[in-house]
């Protein structure tokens, strides 16, 4: 493996342990002991994945994740001693790809690193595939979404949700099914509220009137579906 892992962790012993187990599996590692330097290294080194502690000095992990997601879709695994449901929802809705609670097994953490990296590796497509519904277009090969010709910036999770829904208009997806698309089973401790958060943010970006959606429709008590017929 040649993947580079950036470990942003202020506890030297924890950082050393993660480094040891990652390097045993062939990963190249970088470390940062605070949020500001971690953000700087992420921008300069362009790692393949970031392990991010939330309780950091100078700049906490929430803000580091928020700033990274403004410009990059680098996979992020959040690492924290706090395991409350609201923390998991908040972290995943910011764009984190997984969430590991301390104390943790370093072997399990490395397996989650591998799983997230596998998930990010999309097979190459020889021909462009463009989904088009009304004013909304999704170029699957280039991973570009546009509304009325204007580019729409989405997070990796929003891309996955939109691709899932747009490829099967009219099909009803339960929240559990959408969770499996976002976080394959066994790779993250997630709850169905995370889907609602991502859907809400996605609607803000693609719906002309988010409170009265025309593209992504709610099926009460079940989940969501993409409209069979959309504005033209």
C-alpha atoms as a PDB file:
ATOM      1  CA  UNK A   1       0.000   0.000   0.000  1.00  0.00           C
ATOM      2  CA  UNK A   2       1.188   3.526  -0.778  1.00  0.00           C
ATOM      3  CA  UNK A   3      -1.678   5.424   0.821  1.00  0.00           C
ATOM      4  CA  UNK A   4      -0.749   8.289   3.127  1.00  0.00           C
ATOM      5  CA  UNK A   5      -2.628   8.659   6.425  1.00  0.00           C
ATOM      6  CA  UNK A   6      -2.595  11.968   8.313  1.00  0.00           C
ATOM      7  CA  UNK A   7      -3.139  11.482  12.064  1.00  0.00           C
ATOM      8  CA  UNK A   8      -4.301  14.659  13.816  1.00  0.00           C
ATOM      9  CA  UNK A   9      -4.109  13.746  17.504  1.00  0.00           C
ATOM     10  CA  UNK A  10      -2.780  15.768  20.456  1.00  0.00           C
ATOM     11  CA  UNK A  11      -2.064  12.758  22.689  1.00  0.00           C
ATOM     12  CA  UNK A  12       1.441  11.593  21.781  1.00  0.00           C
ATOM     13  CA  UNK A  13       0.909   8.012  22.988  1.00  0.00           C
ATOM     14  CA  UNK A  14      -2.310   7.590  21.009  1.00  0.00           C
ATOM     15  CA  UNK A  15      -0.718   9.102  17.892  1.00  0.00           C
ATOM     16  CA  UNK A  16       2.293   6.776  18.232  1.00  0.00           C
ATOM     17  CA  UNK A  17       0.042   3.711  18.632  1.00  0.00           C
ATOM     18  CA  UNK A  18      -2.024   4.584  15.553  1.00  0.00           C
ATOM     19  CA  UNK A  19       1.154   5.287  13.599  1.00  0.00           C
ATOM     20  CA  UNK A  20       2.626   1.907  14.570  1.00  0.00           C
ATOM     21  CA  UNK A  21      -0.420  -0.088  13.461  1.00  0.00           C
ATOM     22  CA  UNK A  22      -0.896   1.895  10.246  1.00  0.00           C
ATOM     23  CA  UNK A  23       2.748   1.495   9.226  1.00  0.00           C
ATOM     24  CA  UNK A  24       2.598  -2.235   9.972  1.00  0.00           C
ATOM     25  CA  UNK A  25      -0.073  -2.436   7.268  1.00  0.00           C
ATOM     26  CA  UNK A  26       2.096  -0.558   4.787  1.00  0.00           C
ATOM     27  CA  UNK A  27       0.605   2.914   5.104  1.00  0.00           C
ATOM     28  CA  UNK A  28       2.763   6.026   5.098  1.00  0.00           C
ATOM     29  CA  UNK A  29       1.876   8.226   8.054  1.00  0.00           C
ATOM     30  CA  UNK A  30       2.013  11.914   8.910  1.00  0.00           C
ATOM     31  CA  UNK A  31       1.139  13.435  12.285  1.00  0.00           C
ATOM     32  CA  UNK A  32      -0.032  16.762  13.668  1.00  0.00           C
ATOM     33  CA  UNK A  33      -0.613  17.593  17.330  1.00  0.00           C
ATOM     34  CA  UNK A  34      -3.181  20.379  16.980  1.00  0.00           C
ATOM     35  CA  UNK A  35      -5.963  21.481  14.669  1.00  0.00           C
ATOM     36  CA  UNK A  36      -4.163  24.367  12.990  1.00  0.00           C
ATOM     37  CA  UNK A  37      -1.057  22.389  12.053  1.00  0.00           C
ATOM     38  CA  UNK A  38      -3.247  19.454  11.021  1.00  0.00           C
ATOM     39  CA  UNK A  39      -5.220  21.653   8.663  1.00  0.00           C
ATOM     40  CA  UNK A  40      -1.976  23.038   7.251  1.00  0.00           C
ATOM     41  CA  UNK A  41      -0.516  19.568   6.668  1.00  0.00           C
ATOM     42  CA  UNK A  42      -3.733  18.365   5.071  1.00  0.00           C
ATOM     43  CA  UNK A  43      -3.540  21.212   2.556  1.00  0.00           C
ATOM     44  CA  UNK A  44       0.141  20.774   1.768  1.00  0.00           C
ATOM     45  CA  UNK A  45       0.521  16.978   1.876  1.00  0.00           C
ATOM     46  CA  UNK A  46      -2.845  15.961   0.382  1.00  0.00           C
ATOM     47  CA  UNK A  47      -3.117  12.648   2.323  1.00  0.00           C
ATOM     48  CA  UNK A  48      -5.367   9.827   1.170  1.00  0.00           C
ATOM     49  CA  UNK A  49      -7.198   9.708   4.523  1.00  0.00           C
ATOM     50  CA  UNK A  50      -7.280  11.683   7.772  1.00  0.00           C
ATOM     51  CA  UNK A  51      -7.744  10.282  11.275  1.00  0.00           C
ATOM     52  CA  UNK A  52      -9.037  13.288  13.190  1.00  0.00           C
ATOM     53  CA  UNK A  53      -9.357  13.645  16.958  1.00  0.00           C
ATOM     54  CA  UNK A  54     -12.176  15.988  17.930  1.00  0.00           C
ATOM     55  CA  UNK A  55     -10.774  17.349  21.193  1.00  0.00           C
ATOM     56  CA  UNK A  56      -7.774  19.289  19.841  1.00  0.00           C
ATOM     57  CA  UNK A  57      -6.008  22.430  21.070  1.00  0.00           C
ATOM     58  CA  UNK A  58      -6.186  25.733  19.133  1.00  0.00           C
ATOM     59  CA  UNK A  59      -8.800  24.478  16.678  1.00  0.00           C
ATOM     60  CA  UNK A  60     -11.118  21.583  17.491  1.00  0.00           C
ATOM     61  CA  UNK A  61     -11.823  18.674  15.171  1.00  0.00           C
ATOM     62  CA  UNK A  62     -15.289  19.950  14.264  1.00  0.00           C
ATOM     63  CA  UNK A  63     -13.783  23.101  12.757  1.00  0.00           C
ATOM     64  CA  UNK A  64     -10.945  21.202  11.080  1.00  0.00           C
ATOM     65  CA  UNK A  65     -13.474  18.889   9.414  1.00  0.00           C
ATOM     66  CA  UNK A  66     -15.665  21.813   8.386  1.00  0.00           C
ATOM     67  CA  UNK A  67     -12.756  23.653   6.735  1.00  0.00           C
ATOM     68  CA  UNK A  68     -11.432  20.572   4.965  1.00  0.00           C
ATOM     69  CA  UNK A  69     -14.866  19.836   3.527  1.00  0.00           C
ATOM     70  CA  UNK A  70     -15.047  23.327   2.038  1.00  0.00           C
ATOM     71  CA  UNK A  71     -12.312  22.409  -0.445  1.00  0.00           C
ATOM     72  CA  UNK A  72     -11.733  18.647  -0.358  1.00  0.00           C
ATOM     73  CA  UNK A  73     -13.398  15.233  -0.186  1.00  0.00           C
ATOM     74  CA  UNK A  74     -10.430  13.543   1.545  1.00  0.00           C
ATOM     75  CA  UNK A  75     -11.905  10.696   3.651  1.00  0.00           C
ATOM     76  CA  UNK A  76     -12.048  11.533   7.373  1.00  0.00           C
ATOM     77  CA  UNK A  77     -12.386   9.160  10.318  1.00  0.00           C
ATOM     78  CA  UNK A  78     -13.268  11.032  13.496  1.00  0.00           C
ATOM     79  CA  UNK A  79     -11.702   9.848  16.727  1.00  0.00           C
ATOM     80  CA  UNK A  80     -13.127  10.933  20.072  1.00  0.00           C
ATOM     81  CA  UNK A  81     -13.819   9.961  23.645  1.00  0.00           C
ATOM     82  CA  UNK A  82     -17.388  11.192  23.266  1.00  0.00           C
ATOM     83  CA  UNK A  83     -19.881   8.675  21.949  1.00  0.00           C
ATOM     84  CA  UNK A  84     -23.184  10.487  22.338  1.00  0.00           C
ATOM     85  CA  UNK A  85     -25.685  10.102  19.501  1.00  0.00           C
ATOM     86  CA  UNK A  86     -25.717  13.840  18.822  1.00  0.00           C
ATOM     87  CA  UNK A  87     -21.937  13.825  18.380  1.00  0.00           C
ATOM     88  CA  UNK A  88     -22.122  11.016  15.832  1.00  0.00           C
ATOM     89  CA  UNK A  89     -24.883  12.785  13.922  1.00  0.00           C
ATOM     90  CA  UNK A  90     -23.001  16.093  13.981  1.00  0.00           C
ATOM     91  CA  UNK A  91     -19.717  14.555  12.891  1.00  0.00           C
ATOM     92  CA  UNK A  92     -21.173  12.517  10.068  1.00  0.00           C
ATOM     93  CA  UNK A  93     -23.330  15.388   8.852  1.00  0.00           C
ATOM     94  CA  UNK A  94     -20.203  17.557   8.598  1.00  0.00           C
ATOM     95  CA  UNK A  95     -18.880  15.047   6.086  1.00  0.00           C
ATOM     96  CA  UNK A  96     -16.890  12.558   8.177  1.00  0.00           C
ATOM     97  CA  UNK A  97     -16.777   9.058   6.673  1.00  0.00           C
ATOM     98  CA  UNK A  98     -16.602   7.124   9.932  1.00  0.00           C
ATOM     99  CA  UNK A  99     -16.596   7.682  13.680  1.00  0.00           C
ATOM    100  CA  UNK A 100     -14.546   5.724  16.236  1.00  0.00           C
ATOM    101  CA  UNK A 101     -14.980   6.135  19.991  1.00  0.00           C
ATOM    102  CA  UNK A 102     -12.097   5.900  22.482  1.00  0.00           C
ATOM    103  CA  UNK A 103     -10.966   3.572  23.904  1.00  0.00           C
ATOM    104  CA  UNK A 104     -10.630   1.691  20.640  1.00  0.00           C
ATOM    105  CA  UNK A 105      -8.852  -1.305  19.191  1.00  0.00           C
ATOM    106  CA  UNK A 106      -6.016  -0.104  16.929  1.00  0.00           C
ATOM    107  CA  UNK A 107      -6.544  -3.172  14.745  1.00  0.00           C
ATOM    108  CA  UNK A 108     -10.215  -2.260  14.285  1.00  0.00           C
ATOM    109  CA  UNK A 109      -9.263   1.328  13.465  1.00  0.00           C
ATOM    110  CA  UNK A 110      -6.861   0.144  10.751  1.00  0.00           C
ATOM    111  CA  UNK A 111      -9.565  -2.115   9.310  1.00  0.00           C
ATOM    112  CA  UNK A 112     -11.918   0.863   9.176  1.00  0.00           C
ATOM    113  CA  UNK A 113      -9.206   2.861   7.392  1.00  0.00           C
ATOM    114  CA  UNK A 114      -8.956   0.095   4.788  1.00  0.00           C
ATOM    115  CA  UNK A 115     -12.750  -0.102   4.441  1.00  0.00           C
ATOM    116  CA  UNK A 116     -13.148   3.646   3.890  1.00  0.00           C
ATOM    117  CA  UNK A 117     -10.336   3.687   1.313  1.00  0.00           C
ATOM    118  CA  UNK A 118     -11.943   0.767  -0.537  1.00  0.00           C
ATOM    119  CA  UNK A 119     -15.240   2.598  -0.570  1.00  0.00           C
ATOM    120  CA  UNK A 120     -13.627   5.676  -2.098  1.00  0.00           C
ATOM    121  CA  UNK A 121     -12.072   3.744  -4.976  1.00  0.00           C
ATOM    122  CA  UNK A 122     -14.587   3.967  -7.802  1.00  0.00           C
ATOM    123  CA  UNK A 123     -14.037   1.762 -10.872  1.00  0.00           C
ATOM    124  CA  UNK A 124     -13.154   3.777 -13.981  1.00  0.00           C
ATOM    125  CA  UNK A 125     -15.956   4.400 -16.462  1.00  0.00           C
ATOM    126  CA  UNK A 126     -15.155   4.362 -20.145  1.00  0.00           C
ATOM    127  CA  UNK A 127     -18.077   6.453 -21.268  1.00  0.00           C
ATOM    128  CA  UNK A 128     -19.763   9.442 -19.722  1.00  0.00           C
ATOM    129  CA  UNK A 129     -23.015   8.666 -18.007  1.00  0.00           C
ATOM    130  CA  UNK A 130     -25.297  11.623 -17.487  1.00  0.00           C
ATOM    131  CA  UNK A 131     -28.487  11.483 -15.477  1.00  0.00           C
ATOM    132  CA  UNK A 132     -30.926  14.235 -16.354  1.00  0.00           C
ATOM    133  CA  UNK A 133     -34.212  15.024 -14.648  1.00  0.00           C
ATOM    134  CA  UNK A 134     -35.825  18.359 -15.419  1.00  0.00           C
ATOM    135  CA  UNK A 135     -33.293  21.107 -14.733  1.00  0.00           C
ATOM    136  CA  UNK A 136     -31.043  18.770 -12.722  1.00  0.00           C
ATOM    137  CA  UNK A 137     -28.081  17.006 -14.341  1.00  0.00           C
ATOM    138  CA  UNK A 138     -25.584  14.572 -12.831  1.00  0.00           C
ATOM    139  CA  UNK A 139     -22.481  13.569 -14.816  1.00  0.00           C
ATOM    140  CA  UNK A 140     -21.507  10.308 -13.101  1.00  0.00           C
ATOM    141  CA  UNK A 141     -18.085  10.070 -14.731  1.00  0.00           C
ATOM    142  CA  UNK A 142     -16.997  13.601 -13.889  1.00  0.00           C
ATOM    143  CA  UNK A 143     -19.012  13.661 -10.647  1.00  0.00           C
ATOM    144  CA  UNK A 144     -20.499  17.009 -11.557  1.00  0.00           C
ATOM    145  CA  UNK A 145     -23.984  18.142 -10.624  1.00  0.00           C
ATOM    146  CA  UNK A 146     -25.675  21.163 -12.174  1.00  0.00           C
ATOM    147  CA  UNK A 147     -29.017  22.904 -11.782  1.00  0.00           C
ATOM    148  CA  UNK A 148     -30.179  25.021 -14.734  1.00  0.00           C
ATOM    149  CA  UNK A 149     -26.619  24.887 -16.049  1.00  0.00           C
ATOM    150  CA  UNK A 150     -25.095  26.158 -12.808  1.00  0.00           C
ATOM    151  CA  UNK A 151     -22.631  23.925 -10.983  1.00  0.00           C
ATOM    152  CA  UNK A 152     -23.736  22.581  -7.576  1.00  0.00           C
ATOM    153  CA  UNK A 153     -21.070  21.668  -5.009  1.00  0.00           C
ATOM    154  CA  UNK A 154     -21.933  18.534  -3.034  1.00  0.00           C
ATOM    155  CA  UNK A 155     -20.184  16.606  -0.287  1.00  0.00           C
ATOM    156  CA  UNK A 156     -19.182  12.977  -0.963  1.00  0.00           C
ATOM    157  CA  UNK A 157     -22.184  11.751   1.038  1.00  0.00           C
ATOM    158  CA  UNK A 158     -24.541  14.023  -0.875  1.00  0.00           C
ATOM    159  CA  UNK A 159     -23.130  12.698  -4.165  1.00  0.00           C
ATOM    160  CA  UNK A 160     -23.787   9.114  -3.063  1.00  0.00           C
ATOM    161  CA  UNK A 161     -27.333   9.878  -1.964  1.00  0.00           C
ATOM    162  CA  UNK A 162     -28.199  11.774  -5.125  1.00  0.00           C
ATOM    163  CA  UNK A 163     -26.688   9.113  -7.372  1.00  0.00           C
ATOM    164  CA  UNK A 164     -28.617   6.376  -5.564  1.00  0.00           C
ATOM    165  CA  UNK A 165     -31.936   8.199  -5.819  1.00  0.00           C
ATOM    166  CA  UNK A 166     -31.523   9.567  -9.358  1.00  0.00           C
ATOM    167  CA  UNK A 167     -30.576   6.232 -10.897  1.00  0.00           C
ATOM    168  CA  UNK A 168     -33.915   4.726  -9.801  1.00  0.00           C
ATOM    169  CA  UNK A 169     -36.660   7.374 -10.054  1.00  0.00           C
ATOM    170  CA  UNK A 170     -39.800   6.330  -8.234  1.00  0.00           C
ATOM    171  CA  UNK A 171     -38.146   3.604  -6.202  1.00  0.00           C
ATOM    172  CA  UNK A 172     -38.662   4.013  -2.467  1.00  0.00           C
ATOM    173  CA  UNK A 173     -35.502   3.676  -0.398  1.00  0.00           C
ATOM    174  CA  UNK A 174     -35.790   3.058   3.316  1.00  0.00           C
ATOM    175  CA  UNK A 175     -33.478   4.959   5.632  1.00  0.00           C
ATOM    176  CA  UNK A 176     -31.640   1.720   6.384  1.00  0.00           C
ATOM    177  CA  UNK A 177     -31.008   1.139   2.679  1.00  0.00           C
ATOM    178  CA  UNK A 178     -29.640   4.647   2.279  1.00  0.00           C
ATOM    179  CA  UNK A 179     -27.486   4.205   5.376  1.00  0.00           C
ATOM    180  CA  UNK A 180     -25.967   1.106   3.795  1.00  0.00           C
ATOM    181  CA  UNK A 181     -25.097   3.148   0.701  1.00  0.00           C
ATOM    182  CA  UNK A 182     -23.449   5.858   2.795  1.00  0.00           C
ATOM    183  CA  UNK A 183     -21.836   3.680   5.434  1.00  0.00           C
ATOM    184  CA  UNK A 184     -21.683  -0.014   4.473  1.00  0.00           C
ATOM    185  CA  UNK A 185     -22.641  -2.234   7.409  1.00  0.00           C
ATOM    186  CA  UNK A 186     -19.952  -2.717   9.988  1.00  0.00           C
ATOM    187  CA  UNK A 187     -17.954   0.316   8.864  1.00  0.00           C
ATOM    188  CA  UNK A 188     -19.546   2.980  11.033  1.00  0.00           C
ATOM    189  CA  UNK A 189     -21.780   3.389  14.065  1.00  0.00           C
ATOM    190  CA  UNK A 190     -24.581   5.393  12.507  1.00  0.00           C
ATOM    191  CA  UNK A 191     -28.272   6.034  13.018  1.00  0.00           C
ATOM    192  CA  UNK A 192     -31.047   6.802  10.567  1.00  0.00           C
ATOM    193  CA  UNK A 193     -31.227  10.470  11.618  1.00  0.00           C
ATOM    194  CA  UNK A 194     -27.981  10.995   9.711  1.00  0.00           C
ATOM    195  CA  UNK A 195     -29.854  10.297   6.458  1.00  0.00           C
ATOM    196  CA  UNK A 196     -32.416  12.995   7.261  1.00  0.00           C
ATOM    197  CA  UNK A 197     -29.625  15.504   7.923  1.00  0.00           C
ATOM    198  CA  UNK A 198     -27.912  14.760   4.599  1.00  0.00           C
ATOM    199  CA  UNK A 199     -31.203  14.835   2.695  1.00  0.00           C
ATOM    200  CA  UNK A 200     -32.038  18.208   4.236  1.00  0.00           C
ATOM    201  CA  UNK A 201     -28.710  19.682   3.164  1.00  0.00           C
ATOM    202  CA  UNK A 202     -29.007  18.151  -0.311  1.00  0.00           C
ATOM    203  CA  UNK A 203     -32.457  19.677  -0.768  1.00  0.00           C
ATOM    204  CA  UNK A 204     -31.084  23.089   0.164  1.00  0.00           C
ATOM    205  CA  UNK A 205     -28.692  22.792  -2.775  1.00  0.00           C
ATOM    206  CA  UNK A 206     -30.881  21.346  -5.544  1.00  0.00           C
ATOM    207  CA  UNK A 207     -34.508  22.163  -4.743  1.00  0.00           C
ATOM    208  CA  UNK A 208     -35.999  25.460  -5.974  1.00  0.00           C
ATOM    209  CA  UNK A 209     -38.135  25.493  -2.817  1.00  0.00           C
ATOM    210  CA  UNK A 210     -36.638  23.109  -0.205  1.00  0.00           C
ATOM    211  CA  UNK A 211     -39.708  23.141   2.114  1.00  0.00           C
ATOM    212  CA  UNK A 212     -41.789  21.925  -0.846  1.00  0.00           C
ATOM    213  CA  UNK A 213     -39.371  19.548  -2.642  1.00  0.00           C
ATOM    214  CA  UNK A 214     -39.941  18.546  -6.250  1.00  0.00           C
ATOM    215  CA  UNK A 215     -37.028  16.156  -6.753  1.00  0.00           C
ATOM    216  CA  UNK A 216     -36.360  14.260  -3.521  1.00  0.00           C
ATOM    217  CA  UNK A 217     -39.681  13.265  -1.981  1.00  0.00           C
ATOM    218  CA  UNK A 218     -40.362  11.978   1.512  1.00  0.00           C
ATOM    219  CA  UNK A 219     -42.311   8.742   1.911  1.00  0.00           C
ATOM    220  CA  UNK A 220     -43.675   9.122   5.411  1.00  0.00           C
ATOM    221  CA  UNK A 221     -42.728   6.398   7.814  1.00  0.00           C
ATOM    222  CA  UNK A 222     -40.510   4.713   5.212  1.00  0.00           C
ATOM    223  CA  UNK A 223     -37.820   6.840   3.605  1.00  0.00           C
ATOM    224  CA  UNK A 224     -37.282   8.750   0.363  1.00  0.00           C
ATOM    225  CA  UNK A 225     -37.682   8.478  -3.396  1.00  0.00           C
ATOM    226  CA  UNK A 226     -36.716  10.528  -6.416  1.00  0.00           C
ATOM    227  CA  UNK A 227     -39.695  11.939  -8.284  1.00  0.00           C
ATOM    228  CA  UNK A 228     -40.891  10.080 -11.388  1.00  0.00           C
ATOM    229  CA  UNK A 229     -41.825  13.368 -12.982  1.00  0.00           C
ATOM    230  CA  UNK A 230     -39.919  16.543 -12.353  1.00  0.00           C
ATOM    231  CA  UNK A 231     -40.220  20.129 -13.667  1.00  0.00           C
ATOM    232  CA  UNK A 232     -39.156  20.751 -17.261  1.00  0.00           C
END
